């Protein structure tokens, strides 16, 4: 599916609140179908981009970095940023993640969830 050719989203300022898509000759207004069309498109849009690249769990990072050093996107970043920031990732323990997760407030209920659960 070519996004620009087969799917056109209508202007929400045209007097209605529904999201409408034009897919081929059909106009789609059902929210589930609209979301499925977008899901289908965006989950497959990059299938043919790039090449398969499996990185082994015990493969040295330096080897992986070297293998990708000539990739056009890597070159573009290097050309744009002559002195790029260095990224540093700290190792964390599962217990630390669980503590932070439990410290977070529970998600707020939406109006729809409150109505579904009742008083």
N, C-alpha and C. Protein backbone atom coordinates (compact mmCIF):
# COMPACT_ATOMS: atom_id res chain seq x y z
N UNK A 1 0.84 -1.17 0.00
CA UNK A 1 0.00 0.00 0.00
C UNK A 1 0.90 1.24 0.00
N UNK A 2 0.69 2.12 -0.91
CA UNK A 2 1.40 3.39 -0.95
C UNK A 2 0.59 4.40 -0.16
N UNK A 3 1.16 4.89 0.92
CA UNK A 3 0.42 5.74 1.86
C UNK A 3 -0.20 6.96 1.17
N UNK A 4 0.56 7.70 0.41
CA UNK A 4 0.06 8.92 -0.21
C UNK A 4 -0.97 8.66 -1.30
N UNK A 5 -0.95 7.49 -1.89
CA UNK A 5 -1.84 7.20 -3.01
C UNK A 5 -3.12 6.51 -2.57
N UNK A 6 -3.07 5.66 -1.57
CA UNK A 6 -4.26 4.88 -1.25
C UNK A 6 -4.94 5.31 0.04
N UNK A 7 -4.25 6.04 0.89
CA UNK A 7 -4.88 6.49 2.14
C UNK A 7 -4.78 8.01 2.20
N UNK A 8 -5.91 8.66 2.37
CA UNK A 8 -5.92 10.10 2.57
C UNK A 8 -6.75 10.39 3.79
N UNK A 9 -6.22 11.11 4.72
CA UNK A 9 -6.96 11.45 5.92
C UNK A 9 -7.70 12.75 5.66
N UNK A 10 -8.96 12.79 6.05
CA UNK A 10 -9.73 14.01 5.81
C UNK A 10 -9.41 15.06 6.85
N UNK A 11 -9.74 16.28 6.53
CA UNK A 11 -9.52 17.42 7.42
C UNK A 11 -10.56 17.40 8.53
N UNK A 12 -10.13 17.38 9.78
CA UNK A 12 -11.07 17.34 10.89
C UNK A 12 -11.82 18.66 11.06
N UNK A 13 -11.43 19.70 10.34
CA UNK A 13 -12.11 20.99 10.44
C UNK A 13 -13.28 21.10 9.47
N UNK A 14 -13.66 20.03 8.84
CA UNK A 14 -14.69 20.11 7.82
C UNK A 14 -16.09 19.86 8.38
N UNK A 15 -16.27 19.94 9.69
CA UNK A 15 -17.60 19.89 10.25
C UNK A 15 -18.00 18.58 10.92
N UNK A 16 -17.09 17.67 11.08
CA UNK A 16 -17.42 16.43 11.79
C UNK A 16 -16.25 16.01 12.65
N UNK A 17 -16.53 15.15 13.64
CA UNK A 17 -15.50 14.73 14.57
C UNK A 17 -14.90 13.38 14.24
N UNK A 18 -15.49 12.67 13.29
CA UNK A 18 -15.01 11.34 12.96
C UNK A 18 -13.73 11.41 12.13
N UNK A 19 -12.86 10.46 12.35
CA UNK A 19 -11.69 10.31 11.51
C UNK A 19 -12.11 9.49 10.30
N UNK A 20 -11.82 10.01 9.14
CA UNK A 20 -12.18 9.30 7.92
C UNK A 20 -10.94 9.12 7.07
N UNK A 21 -10.84 7.95 6.48
CA UNK A 21 -9.74 7.66 5.56
C UNK A 21 -10.32 7.30 4.22
N UNK A 22 -9.62 7.69 3.19
CA UNK A 22 -9.98 7.26 1.84
C UNK A 22 -8.96 6.21 1.47
N UNK A 23 -9.43 4.97 1.31
CA UNK A 23 -8.56 3.87 0.92
C UNK A 23 -9.05 3.37 -0.43
N UNK A 24 -8.31 3.69 -1.48
CA UNK A 24 -8.78 3.36 -2.82
C UNK A 24 -10.04 4.14 -3.10
N UNK A 25 -11.12 3.44 -3.42
CA UNK A 25 -12.40 4.08 -3.70
C UNK A 25 -13.31 4.10 -2.47
N UNK A 26 -12.88 3.54 -1.36
CA UNK A 26 -13.74 3.43 -0.18
C UNK A 26 -13.39 4.50 0.85
N UNK A 27 -14.41 4.99 1.53
CA UNK A 27 -14.23 5.89 2.65
C UNK A 27 -14.43 5.07 3.92
N UNK A 28 -13.45 5.10 4.80
CA UNK A 28 -13.48 4.31 6.02
C UNK A 28 -13.69 5.25 7.20
N UNK A 29 -14.73 4.99 8.01
CA UNK A 29 -15.00 5.82 9.18
C UNK A 29 -14.98 5.03 10.48
N UNK A 30 -15.09 3.71 10.39
CA UNK A 30 -15.09 2.88 11.59
C UNK A 30 -13.74 3.00 12.29
N UNK A 31 -13.73 3.46 13.56
CA UNK A 31 -12.45 3.67 14.26
C UNK A 31 -11.55 2.44 14.30
N UNK A 32 -12.15 1.26 14.45
CA UNK A 32 -11.34 0.04 14.48
C UNK A 32 -10.68 -0.21 13.14
N UNK A 33 -11.43 -0.03 12.06
CA UNK A 33 -10.85 -0.23 10.72
C UNK A 33 -9.78 0.81 10.43
N UNK A 34 -10.05 2.07 10.84
CA UNK A 34 -9.06 3.14 10.63
C UNK A 34 -7.76 2.78 11.33
N UNK A 35 -7.87 2.37 12.60
CA UNK A 35 -6.64 2.04 13.34
C UNK A 35 -5.96 0.80 12.76
N UNK A 36 -6.74 -0.18 12.29
CA UNK A 36 -6.14 -1.37 11.68
C UNK A 36 -5.42 -1.03 10.38
N UNK A 37 -5.97 -0.10 9.60
CA UNK A 37 -5.31 0.33 8.36
C UNK A 37 -3.98 0.98 8.68
N UNK A 38 -3.98 1.89 9.66
CA UNK A 38 -2.72 2.53 10.05
C UNK A 38 -1.74 1.51 10.63
N UNK A 39 -2.23 0.61 11.47
CA UNK A 39 -1.37 -0.42 12.04
C UNK A 39 -0.73 -1.27 10.95
N UNK A 40 -1.55 -1.70 10.01
CA UNK A 40 -1.04 -2.52 8.90
C UNK A 40 0.05 -1.77 8.13
N UNK A 41 -0.21 -0.51 7.83
CA UNK A 41 0.75 0.27 7.05
C UNK A 41 2.05 0.48 7.84
N UNK A 42 1.93 1.01 9.07
CA UNK A 42 3.13 1.37 9.81
C UNK A 42 3.90 0.16 10.34
N UNK A 43 3.24 -0.98 10.47
CA UNK A 43 3.98 -2.17 10.92
C UNK A 43 4.74 -2.82 9.77
N UNK A 44 4.41 -2.46 8.54
CA UNK A 44 5.08 -3.07 7.38
C UNK A 44 5.89 -2.09 6.55
N UNK A 45 5.81 -0.81 6.84
CA UNK A 45 6.40 0.20 5.97
C UNK A 45 7.91 0.02 5.81
N UNK A 46 8.58 -0.50 6.81
CA UNK A 46 10.04 -0.60 6.74
C UNK A 46 10.53 -2.02 6.53
N UNK A 47 9.66 -2.93 6.12
CA UNK A 47 10.07 -4.32 5.95
C UNK A 47 11.21 -4.49 4.96
N UNK A 48 11.21 -3.69 3.91
CA UNK A 48 12.23 -3.87 2.88
C UNK A 48 13.40 -2.91 3.04
N UNK A 49 13.44 -2.19 4.15
CA UNK A 49 14.53 -1.24 4.39
C UNK A 49 15.67 -1.96 5.10
N UNK A 50 16.87 -1.69 4.67
CA UNK A 50 18.03 -2.25 5.35
C UNK A 50 18.30 -3.69 4.96
N UNK A 51 19.15 -4.30 5.72
CA UNK A 51 19.52 -5.69 5.47
C UNK A 51 19.41 -6.46 6.78
N UNK A 52 19.21 -7.75 6.70
CA UNK A 52 19.16 -8.53 7.94
C UNK A 52 20.49 -8.43 8.67
N UNK A 53 20.43 -8.19 9.95
CA UNK A 53 21.65 -8.06 10.73
C UNK A 53 21.40 -8.64 12.11
N UNK A 54 21.95 -9.80 12.33
CA UNK A 54 21.78 -10.45 13.62
C UNK A 54 23.03 -10.23 14.44
N UNK A 55 22.86 -9.65 15.60
CA UNK A 55 23.98 -9.37 16.49
C UNK A 55 23.95 -10.42 17.60
N UNK A 56 25.00 -11.18 17.69
CA UNK A 56 25.07 -12.22 18.71
C UNK A 56 25.23 -11.62 20.09
N UNK A 57 24.66 -12.30 21.09
CA UNK A 57 24.70 -11.81 22.46
C UNK A 57 26.14 -11.66 22.97
N UNK A 58 27.04 -12.49 22.47
CA UNK A 58 28.42 -12.42 22.94
C UNK A 58 29.36 -11.79 21.91
N UNK A 59 28.78 -11.14 20.90
CA UNK A 59 29.58 -10.47 19.87
C UNK A 59 30.13 -9.16 20.44
N UNK A 60 31.43 -8.90 20.29
CA UNK A 60 32.00 -7.67 20.84
C UNK A 60 31.37 -6.42 20.21
N UNK A 61 31.09 -5.43 21.05
CA UNK A 61 30.47 -4.19 20.59
C UNK A 61 31.34 -3.52 19.52
N UNK A 62 32.64 -3.53 19.71
CA UNK A 62 33.54 -2.88 18.75
C UNK A 62 33.39 -3.49 17.35
N UNK A 63 33.17 -4.78 17.29
CA UNK A 63 33.00 -5.45 16.00
C UNK A 63 31.70 -4.99 15.33
N UNK A 64 30.63 -4.86 16.10
CA UNK A 64 29.35 -4.40 15.57
C UNK A 64 29.46 -2.95 15.09
N UNK A 65 30.08 -2.11 15.89
CA UNK A 65 30.25 -0.70 15.52
C UNK A 65 31.06 -0.60 14.24
N UNK A 66 32.14 -1.35 14.13
CA UNK A 66 32.97 -1.33 12.93
C UNK A 66 32.19 -1.79 11.70
N UNK A 67 31.36 -2.83 11.87
CA UNK A 67 30.59 -3.36 10.76
C UNK A 67 29.62 -2.32 10.20
N UNK A 68 29.15 -1.42 11.02
CA UNK A 68 28.16 -0.43 10.60
C UNK A 68 28.77 0.95 10.35
N UNK A 69 30.06 1.09 10.48
CA UNK A 69 30.69 2.41 10.40
C UNK A 69 30.55 3.07 9.03
N UNK A 70 30.34 2.31 7.98
CA UNK A 70 30.22 2.88 6.63
C UNK A 70 28.76 3.00 6.17
N UNK A 71 27.83 2.74 7.06
CA UNK A 71 26.42 2.85 6.70
C UNK A 71 26.09 4.32 6.40
N UNK A 72 25.28 4.60 5.37
CA UNK A 72 24.97 5.99 5.01
C UNK A 72 24.41 6.83 6.16
N UNK A 73 23.59 6.24 7.02
CA UNK A 73 23.04 7.03 8.13
C UNK A 73 24.11 7.37 9.15
N UNK A 74 25.04 6.45 9.38
CA UNK A 74 26.14 6.72 10.31
C UNK A 74 27.04 7.81 9.73
N UNK A 75 27.32 7.73 8.44
CA UNK A 75 28.13 8.76 7.79
C UNK A 75 27.45 10.13 7.86
N UNK A 76 26.14 10.17 7.66
CA UNK A 76 25.41 11.44 7.69
C UNK A 76 25.50 12.07 9.07
N UNK A 77 25.38 11.27 10.11
CA UNK A 77 25.48 11.80 11.47
C UNK A 77 26.89 12.32 11.72
N UNK A 78 27.89 11.56 11.29
CA UNK A 78 29.27 11.99 11.49
C UNK A 78 29.56 13.28 10.73
N UNK A 79 28.98 13.43 9.53
CA UNK A 79 29.19 14.66 8.76
C UNK A 79 28.53 15.86 9.43
N UNK A 80 27.38 15.64 10.02
CA UNK A 80 26.65 16.74 10.65
C UNK A 80 27.24 17.12 12.00
N UNK A 81 27.66 16.13 12.77
CA UNK A 81 28.19 16.38 14.11
C UNK A 81 29.65 15.98 14.16
N UNK A 82 30.51 16.97 14.06
CA UNK A 82 31.94 16.66 14.06
C UNK A 82 32.43 16.24 15.45
N UNK A 83 31.72 16.67 16.49
CA UNK A 83 32.09 16.29 17.85
C UNK A 83 30.84 15.79 18.57
N UNK A 84 30.34 14.59 18.20
CA UNK A 84 29.08 14.10 18.77
C UNK A 84 29.21 13.79 20.25
N UNK A 85 28.11 13.91 20.96
CA UNK A 85 28.15 13.56 22.39
C UNK A 85 28.40 12.07 22.57
N UNK A 86 29.05 11.74 23.64
CA UNK A 86 29.31 10.33 23.94
C UNK A 86 28.19 9.81 24.83
N UNK A 87 27.67 8.68 24.48
CA UNK A 87 26.61 8.08 25.27
C UNK A 87 27.20 7.13 26.28
N UNK A 88 26.65 7.17 27.47
CA UNK A 88 27.11 6.28 28.52
C UNK A 88 25.89 5.62 29.14
N UNK A 89 25.89 4.32 29.18
CA UNK A 89 24.79 3.58 29.77
C UNK A 89 25.29 2.88 31.02
N UNK A 90 24.61 3.15 32.11
CA UNK A 90 24.95 2.49 33.36
C UNK A 90 24.20 1.17 33.46
N UNK A 91 24.86 0.17 33.98
CA UNK A 91 24.20 -1.11 34.19
C UNK A 91 23.27 -0.97 35.39
N UNK A 92 22.11 -1.55 35.28
CA UNK A 92 21.15 -1.52 36.38
C UNK A 92 20.76 -2.95 36.74
N UNK A 93 20.32 -3.08 37.94
CA UNK A 93 19.88 -4.37 38.43
C UNK A 93 18.35 -4.46 38.36
N UNK A 94 17.85 -5.65 38.18
CA UNK A 94 16.41 -5.87 38.11
C UNK A 94 15.72 -5.32 39.36
N UNK A 95 16.32 -5.53 40.52
CA UNK A 95 15.72 -5.06 41.78
C UNK A 95 15.54 -3.54 41.78
N UNK A 96 16.50 -2.81 41.20
CA UNK A 96 16.39 -1.35 41.13
C UNK A 96 15.21 -0.93 40.25
N UNK A 97 15.00 -1.65 39.16
CA UNK A 97 13.87 -1.35 38.28
C UNK A 97 12.56 -1.60 39.00
N UNK A 98 12.47 -2.71 39.71
CA UNK A 98 11.24 -3.05 40.44
C UNK A 98 10.95 -1.99 41.50
N UNK A 99 11.97 -1.53 42.20
CA UNK A 99 11.78 -0.49 43.22
C UNK A 99 11.24 0.79 42.58
N UNK A 100 11.84 1.22 41.47
CA UNK A 100 11.37 2.43 40.79
C UNK A 100 9.96 2.26 40.26
N UNK A 101 9.68 1.10 39.72
CA UNK A 101 8.35 0.83 39.20
C UNK A 101 7.31 0.90 40.31
N UNK A 102 7.60 0.30 41.44
CA UNK A 102 6.66 0.31 42.56
C UNK A 102 6.51 1.69 43.19
N UNK A 103 7.51 2.54 43.02
CA UNK A 103 7.46 3.89 43.54
C UNK A 103 6.57 4.81 42.69
N UNK A 104 6.36 4.43 41.44
CA UNK A 104 5.55 5.24 40.54
C UNK A 104 4.08 5.18 40.94
N UNK A 105 3.38 6.32 40.79
CA UNK A 105 1.94 6.29 41.11
C UNK A 105 1.19 5.44 40.10
N UNK A 106 0.08 4.83 40.52
CA UNK A 106 -0.69 4.02 39.57
C UNK A 106 -1.28 4.92 38.48
N UNK A 107 -1.50 4.37 37.30
CA UNK A 107 -2.07 5.19 36.22
C UNK A 107 -3.46 5.68 36.59
N UNK A 108 -3.78 6.89 36.17
CA UNK A 108 -5.10 7.45 36.44
C UNK A 108 -6.13 6.75 35.57
N UNK A 109 -7.32 6.56 36.13
CA UNK A 109 -8.40 5.96 35.37
C UNK A 109 -8.97 6.98 34.40
N UNK A 110 -9.22 6.53 33.21
CA UNK A 110 -9.87 7.40 32.24
C UNK A 110 -11.37 7.37 32.50
N UNK A 111 -12.07 8.33 31.94
CA UNK A 111 -13.52 8.39 32.12
C UNK A 111 -14.19 7.10 31.63
N UNK A 112 -13.72 6.58 30.49
CA UNK A 112 -14.31 5.35 29.95
C UNK A 112 -14.09 4.18 30.89
N UNK A 113 -12.89 4.07 31.49
CA UNK A 113 -12.62 2.97 32.42
C UNK A 113 -13.49 3.10 33.66
N UNK A 114 -13.67 4.33 34.15
CA UNK A 114 -14.51 4.53 35.34
C UNK A 114 -15.95 4.14 35.05
N UNK A 115 -16.45 4.51 33.87
CA UNK A 115 -17.82 4.16 33.51
C UNK A 115 -17.98 2.65 33.37
N UNK A 116 -16.98 1.99 32.81
CA UNK A 116 -17.04 0.55 32.60
C UNK A 116 -17.00 -0.20 33.94
N UNK A 117 -16.26 0.34 34.91
CA UNK A 117 -16.14 -0.34 36.20
C UNK A 117 -17.30 -0.02 37.13
N UNK A 118 -18.02 1.04 36.82
CA UNK A 118 -19.15 1.41 37.68
C UNK A 118 -18.70 2.22 38.87
N UNK A 119 -19.65 2.56 39.74
CA UNK A 119 -19.32 3.41 40.90
C UNK A 119 -18.47 2.71 41.92
